[in-house]
């Protein structure tokens, strides 16, 4: 992994643990997890909004077409 041996990685992790402590690292992990969940939720909501807006546009176009068709029928009948 990028030229870092497992022994070097363990030494780095021990130093980080000594510098920050377990409580701060636990809080950092929880904050990171909630940030990722929030990001995923925002992305999925954005995709759902795009799908809904596409469906709404199609329905609006269909309703406009039906309205204009009924208006033309009324003109023809008059």
PDB file of N, CA and C in Angstrom:
ATOM      1  N   UNK A   1       0.851  -1.175   0.000  1.00  0.00           N
ATOM      2  CA  UNK A   1       0.000   0.000   0.000  1.00  0.00           C
ATOM      3  C   UNK A   1       0.897   1.237   0.000  1.00  0.00           C
ATOM      4  N   UNK A   2       1.200   1.768  -1.162  1.00  0.00           N
ATOM      5  CA  UNK A   2       1.994   2.985  -1.328  1.00  0.00           C
ATOM      6  C   UNK A   2       3.368   2.875  -0.668  1.00  0.00           C
ATOM      7  N   UNK A   3       3.916   1.693  -0.593  1.00  0.00           N
ATOM      8  CA  UNK A   3       5.246   1.518  -0.034  1.00  0.00           C
ATOM      9  C   UNK A   3       5.288   1.552   1.482  1.00  0.00           C
ATOM     10  N   UNK A   4       4.134   1.462   2.150  1.00  0.00           N
ATOM     11  CA  UNK A   4       4.096   1.461   3.614  1.00  0.00           C
ATOM     12  C   UNK A   4       3.887   0.024   4.073  1.00  0.00           C
ATOM     13  N   UNK A   5       4.796  -0.464   4.873  1.00  0.00           N
ATOM     14  CA  UNK A   5       4.659  -1.830   5.371  1.00  0.00           C
ATOM     15  C   UNK A   5       3.642  -1.863   6.512  1.00  0.00           C
ATOM     16  N   UNK A   6       3.115  -3.029   6.815  1.00  0.00           N
ATOM     17  CA  UNK A   6       2.159  -3.134   7.920  1.00  0.00           C
ATOM     18  C   UNK A   6       2.735  -2.653   9.259  1.00  0.00           C
ATOM     19  N   UNK A   7       4.003  -2.891   9.490  1.00  0.00           N
ATOM     20  CA  UNK A   7       4.628  -2.449  10.744  1.00  0.00           C
ATOM     21  C   UNK A   7       4.654  -0.925  10.825  1.00  0.00           C
ATOM     22  N   UNK A   8       4.975  -0.273   9.730  1.00  0.00           N
ATOM     23  CA  UNK A   8       4.980   1.199   9.709  1.00  0.00           C
ATOM     24  C   UNK A   8       3.575   1.747   9.913  1.00  0.00           C
ATOM     25  N   UNK A   9       2.598   1.088   9.332  1.00  0.00           N
ATOM     26  CA  UNK A   9       1.203   1.515   9.480  1.00  0.00           C
ATOM     27  C   UNK A   9       0.752   1.408  10.935  1.00  0.00           C
ATOM     28  N   UNK A  10       1.142   0.342  11.605  1.00  0.00           N
ATOM     29  CA  UNK A  10       0.788   0.168  13.019  1.00  0.00           C
ATOM     30  C   UNK A  10       1.430   1.261  13.868  1.00  0.00           C
ATOM     31  N   UNK A  11       2.675   1.594  13.581  1.00  0.00           N
ATOM     32  CA  UNK A  11       3.362   2.657  14.328  1.00  0.00           C
ATOM     33  C   UNK A  11       2.642   3.992  14.129  1.00  0.00           C
ATOM     34  N   UNK A  12       2.241   4.277  12.908  1.00  0.00           N
ATOM     35  CA  UNK A  12       1.516   5.528  12.631  1.00  0.00           C
ATOM     36  C   UNK A  12       0.192   5.555  13.385  1.00  0.00           C
ATOM     37  N   UNK A  13      -0.528   4.445  13.383  1.00  0.00           N
ATOM     38  CA  UNK A  13      -1.809   4.383  14.086  1.00  0.00           C
ATOM     39  C   UNK A  13      -1.641   4.572  15.594  1.00  0.00           C
ATOM     40  N   UNK A  14      -0.591   3.985  16.170  1.00  0.00           N
ATOM     41  CA  UNK A  14      -0.323   4.153  17.607  1.00  0.00           C
ATOM     42  C   UNK A  14      -0.023   5.618  17.923  1.00  0.00           C
ATOM     43  N   UNK A  15       0.762   6.274  17.088  1.00  0.00           N
ATOM     44  CA  UNK A  15       1.089   7.688  17.306  1.00  0.00           C
ATOM     45  C   UNK A  15      -0.175   8.549  17.224  1.00  0.00           C
ATOM     46  N   UNK A  16      -1.019   8.276  16.230  1.00  0.00           N
ATOM     47  CA  UNK A  16      -2.283   9.022  16.098  1.00  0.00           C
ATOM     48  C   UNK A  16      -3.155   8.791  17.325  1.00  0.00           C
ATOM     49  N   UNK A  17      -3.226   7.558  17.795  1.00  0.00           N
ATOM     50  CA  UNK A  17      -4.014   7.237  18.979  1.00  0.00           C
ATOM     51  C   UNK A  17      -3.497   7.983  20.203  1.00  0.00           C
ATOM     52  N   UNK A  18      -2.177   8.051  20.362  1.00  0.00           N
ATOM     53  CA  UNK A  18      -1.589   8.763  21.505  1.00  0.00           C
ATOM     54  C   UNK A  18      -1.826  10.277  21.404  1.00  0.00           C
ATOM     55  N   UNK A  19      -1.768  10.809  20.206  1.00  0.00           N
ATOM     56  CA  UNK A  19      -1.953  12.258  20.027  1.00  0.00           C
ATOM     57  C   UNK A  19      -3.396  12.694  20.281  1.00  0.00           C
ATOM     58  N   UNK A  20      -4.343  11.952  19.735  1.00  0.00           N
ATOM     59  CA  UNK A  20      -5.735  12.399  19.789  1.00  0.00           C
ATOM     60  C   UNK A  20      -6.557  11.721  20.876  1.00  0.00           C
ATOM     61  N   UNK A  21      -6.219  10.540  21.250  1.00  0.00           N
ATOM     62  CA  UNK A  21      -6.982   9.821  22.261  1.00  0.00           C
ATOM     63  C   UNK A  21      -8.156   9.090  21.644  1.00  0.00           C
ATOM     64  N   UNK A  22      -8.665   8.099  22.383  1.00  0.00           N
ATOM     65  CA  UNK A  22      -9.739   7.265  21.843  1.00  0.00           C
ATOM     66  C   UNK A  22     -11.053   8.025  21.733  1.00  0.00           C
ATOM     67  N   UNK A  23     -11.333   8.905  22.684  1.00  0.00           N
ATOM     68  CA  UNK A  23     -12.612   9.624  22.668  1.00  0.00           C
ATOM     69  C   UNK A  23     -12.717  10.533  21.448  1.00  0.00           C
ATOM     70  N   UNK A  24     -11.669  11.277  21.152  1.00  0.00           N
ATOM     71  CA  UNK A  24     -11.701  12.168  19.985  1.00  0.00           C
ATOM     72  C   UNK A  24     -11.782  11.375  18.689  1.00  0.00           C
ATOM     73  N   UNK A  25     -11.064  10.262  18.627  1.00  0.00           N
ATOM     74  CA  UNK A  25     -11.114   9.443  17.420  1.00  0.00           C
ATOM     75  C   UNK A  25     -12.495   8.827  17.232  1.00  0.00           C
ATOM     76  N   UNK A  26     -13.138   8.412  18.328  1.00  0.00           N
ATOM     77  CA  UNK A  26     -14.479   7.858  18.253  1.00  0.00           C
ATOM     78  C   UNK A  26     -15.463   8.918  17.758  1.00  0.00           C
ATOM     79  N   UNK A  27     -15.346  10.135  18.304  1.00  0.00           N
ATOM     80  CA  UNK A  27     -16.216  11.227  17.863  1.00  0.00           C
ATOM     81  C   UNK A  27     -15.968  11.570  16.396  1.00  0.00           C
ATOM     82  N   UNK A  28     -14.711  11.547  16.000  1.00  0.00           N
ATOM     83  CA  UNK A  28     -14.360  11.836  14.614  1.00  0.00           C
ATOM     84  C   UNK A  28     -14.975  10.796  13.675  1.00  0.00           C
ATOM     85  N   UNK A  29     -14.907   9.545  14.073  1.00  0.00           N
ATOM     86  CA  UNK A  29     -15.505   8.480  13.268  1.00  0.00           C
ATOM     87  C   UNK A  29     -17.014   8.628  13.157  1.00  0.00           C
ATOM     88  N   UNK A  30     -17.662   8.957  14.274  1.00  0.00           N
ATOM     89  CA  UNK A  30     -19.111   9.162  14.249  1.00  0.00           C
ATOM     90  C   UNK A  30     -19.508  10.350  13.385  1.00  0.00           C
ATOM     91  N   UNK A  31     -18.744  11.442  13.486  1.00  0.00           N
ATOM     92  CA  UNK A  31     -19.025  12.620  12.673  1.00  0.00           C
ATOM     93  C   UNK A  31     -18.835  12.324  11.190  1.00  0.00           C
ATOM     94  N   UNK A  32     -17.798  11.585  10.884  1.00  0.00           N
ATOM     95  CA  UNK A  32     -17.538  11.225   9.497  1.00  0.00           C
ATOM     96  C   UNK A  32     -18.654  10.333   8.952  1.00  0.00           C
ATOM     97  N   UNK A  33     -19.102   9.393   9.757  1.00  0.00           N
ATOM     98  CA  UNK A  33     -20.193   8.511   9.342  1.00  0.00           C
ATOM     99  C   UNK A  33     -21.483   9.265   9.095  1.00  0.00           C
ATOM    100  N   UNK A  34     -21.821  10.200   9.978  1.00  0.00           N
ATOM    101  CA  UNK A  34     -23.051  10.968   9.789  1.00  0.00           C
ATOM    102  C   UNK A  34     -22.943  11.908   8.585  1.00  0.00           C
ATOM    103  N   UNK A  35     -21.742  12.408   8.321  1.00  0.00           N
ATOM    104  CA  UNK A  35     -21.553  13.261   7.140  1.00  0.00           C
ATOM    105  C   UNK A  35     -21.749  12.463   5.858  1.00  0.00           C
ATOM    106  N   UNK A  36     -21.246  11.240   5.842  1.00  0.00           N
ATOM    107  CA  UNK A  36     -21.414  10.389   4.660  1.00  0.00           C
ATOM    108  C   UNK A  36     -22.889  10.039   4.465  1.00  0.00           C
ATOM    109  N   UNK A  37     -23.599   9.723   5.556  1.00  0.00           N
ATOM    110  CA  UNK A  37     -25.029   9.425   5.455  1.00  0.00           C
ATOM    111  C   UNK A  37     -25.800  10.621   4.923  1.00  0.00           C
ATOM    112  N   UNK A  38     -25.468  11.799   5.430  1.00  0.00           N
ATOM    113  CA  UNK A  38     -26.137  13.013   4.960  1.00  0.00           C
ATOM    114  C   UNK A  38     -25.876  13.274   3.494  1.00  0.00           C
ATOM    115  N   UNK A  39     -24.654  13.039   3.053  1.00  0.00           N
ATOM    116  CA  UNK A  39     -24.310  13.228   1.645  1.00  0.00           C
ATOM    117  C   UNK A  39     -25.091  12.259   0.765  1.00  0.00           C
ATOM    118  N   UNK A  40     -25.146  10.992   1.158  1.00  0.00           N
ATOM    119  CA  UNK A  40     -25.883   9.998   0.379  1.00  0.00           C
ATOM    120  C   UNK A  40     -27.365  10.348   0.313  1.00  0.00           C
ATOM    121  N   UNK A  41     -27.914  10.815   1.435  1.00  0.00           N
ATOM    122  CA  UNK A  41     -29.327  11.188   1.473  1.00  0.00           C
ATOM    123  C   UNK A  41     -29.591  12.369   0.538  1.00  0.00           C
ATOM    124  N   UNK A  42     -28.720  13.355   0.556  1.00  0.00           N
ATOM    125  CA  UNK A  42     -28.895  14.525  -0.306  1.00  0.00           C
ATOM    126  C   UNK A  42     -28.807  14.140  -1.776  1.00  0.00           C
ATOM    127  N   UNK A  43     -27.884  13.248  -2.111  1.00  0.00           N
ATOM    128  CA  UNK A  43     -27.739  12.819  -3.505  1.00  0.00           C
ATOM    129  C   UNK A  43     -28.987  12.057  -3.950  1.00  0.00           C
ATOM    130  N   UNK A  44     -29.493  11.157  -3.108  1.00  0.00           N
ATOM    131  CA  UNK A  44     -30.681  10.384  -3.487  1.00  0.00           C
ATOM    132  C   UNK A  44     -31.913  11.281  -3.574  1.00  0.00           C
ATOM    133  N   UNK A  45     -32.034  12.276  -2.693  1.00  0.00           N
ATOM    134  CA  UNK A  45     -33.164  13.203  -2.771  1.00  0.00           C
ATOM    135  C   UNK A  45     -33.090  14.034  -4.043  1.00  0.00           C
ATOM    136  N   UNK A  46     -31.885  14.428  -4.429  1.00  0.00           N
ATOM    137  CA  UNK A  46     -31.708  15.206  -5.652  1.00  0.00           C
ATOM    138  C   UNK A  46     -32.127  14.387  -6.863  1.00  0.00           C
ATOM    139  N   UNK A  47     -31.757  13.103  -6.886  1.00  0.00           N
ATOM    140  CA  UNK A  47     -32.154  12.232  -7.993  1.00  0.00           C
ATOM    141  C   UNK A  47     -33.661  12.058  -8.025  1.00  0.00           C
ATOM    142  N   UNK A  48     -34.290  11.905  -6.854  1.00  0.00           N
ATOM    143  CA  UNK A  48     -35.738  11.758  -6.792  1.00  0.00           C
ATOM    144  C   UNK A  48     -36.431  13.031  -7.267  1.00  0.00           C
ATOM    145  N   UNK A  49     -35.898  14.200  -6.898  1.00  0.00           N
ATOM    146  CA  UNK A  49     -36.477  15.465  -7.327  1.00  0.00           C
ATOM    147  C   UNK A  49     -36.408  15.612  -8.843  1.00  0.00           C
ATOM    148  N   UNK A  50     -35.290  15.188  -9.440  1.00  0.00           N
ATOM    149  CA  UNK A  50     -35.150  15.258 -10.888  1.00  0.00           C
ATOM    150  C   UNK A  50     -36.166  14.348 -11.567  1.00  0.00           C
ATOM    151  N   UNK A  51     -36.370  13.153 -11.032  1.00  0.00           N
ATOM    152  CA  UNK A  51     -37.339  12.231 -11.613  1.00  0.00           C
ATOM    153  C   UNK A  51     -38.746  12.802 -11.500  1.00  0.00           C
ATOM    154  N   UNK A  52     -39.062  13.383 -10.333  1.00  0.00           N
ATOM    155  CA  UNK A  52     -40.392  13.953 -10.141  1.00  0.00           C
ATOM    156  C   UNK A  52     -40.617  15.131 -11.075  1.00  0.00           C
ATOM    157  N   UNK A  53     -39.601  15.979 -11.263  1.00  0.00           N
ATOM    158  CA  UNK A  53     -39.761  17.129 -12.135  1.00  0.00           C
ATOM    159  C   UNK A  53     -39.944  16.686 -13.583  1.00  0.00           C
ATOM    160  N   UNK A  54     -39.258  15.615 -14.011  1.00  0.00           N
ATOM    161  CA  UNK A  54     -39.443  15.083 -15.357  1.00  0.00           C
ATOM    162  C   UNK A  54     -40.867  14.575 -15.541  1.00  0.00           C
ATOM    163  N   UNK A  55     -41.380  13.850 -14.545  1.00  0.00           N
ATOM    164  CA  UNK A  55     -42.743  13.340 -14.624  1.00  0.00           C
ATOM    165  C   UNK A  55     -43.745  14.481 -14.633  1.00  0.00           C
ATOM    166  N   UNK A  56     -43.515  15.509 -13.828  1.00  0.00           N
ATOM    167  CA  UNK A  56     -44.409  16.655 -13.778  1.00  0.00           C
ATOM    168  C   UNK A  56     -44.430  17.381 -15.110  1.00  0.00           C
ATOM    169  N   UNK A  57     -43.264  17.541 -15.728  1.00  0.00           N
ATOM    170  CA  UNK A  57     -43.202  18.200 -17.032  1.00  0.00           C
ATOM    171  C   UNK A  57     -43.980  17.407 -18.079  1.00  0.00           C
ATOM    172  N   UNK A  58     -43.877  16.090 -18.052  1.00  0.00           N
ATOM    173  CA  UNK A  58     -44.607  15.263 -19.002  1.00  0.00           C
ATOM    174  C   UNK A  58     -46.112  15.402 -18.791  1.00  0.00           C
ATOM    175  N   UNK A  59     -46.537  15.388 -17.521  1.00  0.00           N
ATOM    176  CA  UNK A  59     -47.957  15.536 -17.229  1.00  0.00           C
ATOM    177  C   UNK A  59     -48.466  16.913 -17.642  1.00  0.00           C
ATOM    178  N   UNK A  60     -47.666  17.956 -17.399  1.00  0.00           N
ATOM    179  CA  UNK A  60     -48.054  19.309 -17.795  1.00  0.00           C
ATOM    180  C   UNK A  60     -48.186  19.417 -19.304  1.00  0.00           C
ATOM    181  N   UNK A  61     -47.254  18.820 -20.031  1.00  0.00           N
ATOM    182  CA  UNK A  61     -47.297  18.849 -21.490  1.00  0.00           C
ATOM    183  C   UNK A  61     -48.528  18.111 -21.999  1.00  0.00           C
ATOM    184  N   UNK A  62     -48.848  16.994 -21.373  1.00  0.00           N
ATOM    185  CA  UNK A  62     -50.016  16.211 -21.776  1.00  0.00           C
ATOM    186  C   UNK A  62     -51.295  16.994 -21.497  1.00  0.00           C
ATOM    187  N   UNK A  63     -51.364  17.627 -20.333  1.00  0.00           N
ATOM    188  CA  UNK A  63     -52.542  18.410 -19.982  1.00  0.00           C
ATOM    189  C   UNK A  63     -52.708  19.602 -20.925  1.00  0.00           C
ATOM    190  N   UNK A  64     -51.614  20.236 -21.296  1.00  0.00           N
ATOM    191  CA  UNK A  64     -51.668  21.371 -22.223  1.00  0.00           C
ATOM    192  C   UNK A  64     -52.138  20.909 -23.593  1.00  0.00           C
ATOM    193  N   UNK A  65     -51.651  19.758 -24.034  1.00  0.00           N
ATOM    194  CA  UNK A  65     -52.061  19.226 -25.325  1.00  0.00           C
ATOM    195  C   UNK A  65     -53.545  18.880 -25.313  1.00  0.00           C
ATOM    196  N   UNK A  66     -54.023  18.276 -24.246  1.00  0.00           N
ATOM    197  CA  UNK A  66     -55.438  17.928 -24.141  1.00  0.00           C
ATOM    198  C   UNK A  66     -56.302  19.183 -24.107  1.00  0.00           C
ATOM    199  N   UNK A  67     -55.838  20.192 -23.413  1.00  0.00           N
ATOM    200  CA  UNK A  67     -56.590  21.440 -23.309  1.00  0.00           C
ATOM    201  C   UNK A  67     -56.688  22.130 -24.671  1.00  0.00           C
ATOM    202  N   UNK A  68     -55.581  22.154 -25.386  1.00  0.00           N
ATOM    203  CA  UNK A  68     -55.611  22.790 -26.703  1.00  0.00           C
ATOM    204  C   UNK A  68     -56.462  21.988 -27.672  1.00  0.00           C
ATOM    205  N   UNK A  69     -56.448  20.671 -27.544  1.00  0.00           N
ATOM    206  CA  UNK A  69     -57.285  19.822 -28.409  1.00  0.00           C
ATOM    207  C   UNK A  69     -58.763  20.052 -28.118  1.00  0.00           C
ATOM    208  N   UNK A  70     -59.112  20.180 -26.844  1.00  0.00           N
ATOM    209  CA  UNK A  70     -60.524  20.431 -26.508  1.00  0.00           C
ATOM    210  C   UNK A  70     -60.950  21.822 -26.936  1.00  0.00           C
ATOM    211  N   UNK A  71     -60.047  22.786 -26.887  1.00  0.00           N
ATOM    212  CA  UNK A  71     -60.351  24.146 -27.332  1.00  0.00           C
ATOM    213  C   UNK A  71     -60.599  24.149 -28.842  1.00  0.00           C
ATOM    214  N   UNK A  72     -59.802  23.397 -29.589  1.00  0.00           N
ATOM    215  CA  UNK A  72     -59.985  23.323 -31.031  1.00  0.00           C
ATOM    216  C   UNK A  72     -61.304  22.643 -31.386  1.00  0.00           C
ATOM    217  N   UNK A  73     -61.687  21.624 -30.606  1.00  0.00           N
ATOM    218  CA  UNK A  73     -62.979  20.948 -30.854  1.00  0.00           C
ATOM    219  C   UNK A  73     -64.124  21.911 -30.610  1.00  0.00           C
ATOM    220  N   UNK A  74     -64.018  22.737 -29.567  1.00  0.00           N
ATOM    221  CA  UNK A  74     -65.066  23.701 -29.261  1.00  0.00           C
ATOM    222  C   UNK A  74     -65.187  24.745 -30.386  1.00  0.00           C
ATOM    223  N   UNK A  75     -64.052  25.163 -30.916  1.00  0.00           N
ATOM    224  CA  UNK A  75     -64.079  26.119 -32.025  1.00  0.00           C
ATOM    225  C   UNK A  75     -64.717  25.494 -33.264  1.00  0.00           C
ATOM    226  N   UNK A  76     -64.406  24.226 -33.525  1.00  0.00           N
ATOM    227  CA  UNK A  76     -64.977  23.546 -34.689  1.00  0.00           C
ATOM    228  C   UNK A  76     -66.490  23.369 -34.542  1.00  0.00           C
ATOM    229  N   UNK A  77     -66.966  23.122 -33.326  1.00  0.00           N
ATOM    230  CA  UNK A  77     -68.375  22.930 -33.072  1.00  0.00           C
ATOM    231  C   UNK A  77     -69.152  24.232 -33.181  1.00  0.00           C
ATOM    232  N   UNK A  78     -68.503  25.349 -32.912  1.00  0.00           N
ATOM    233  CA  UNK A  78     -69.172  26.652 -32.922  1.00  0.00           C
ATOM    234  C   UNK A  78     -69.304  27.188 -34.301  1.00  0.00           C
TER     235      UNK A  78
END
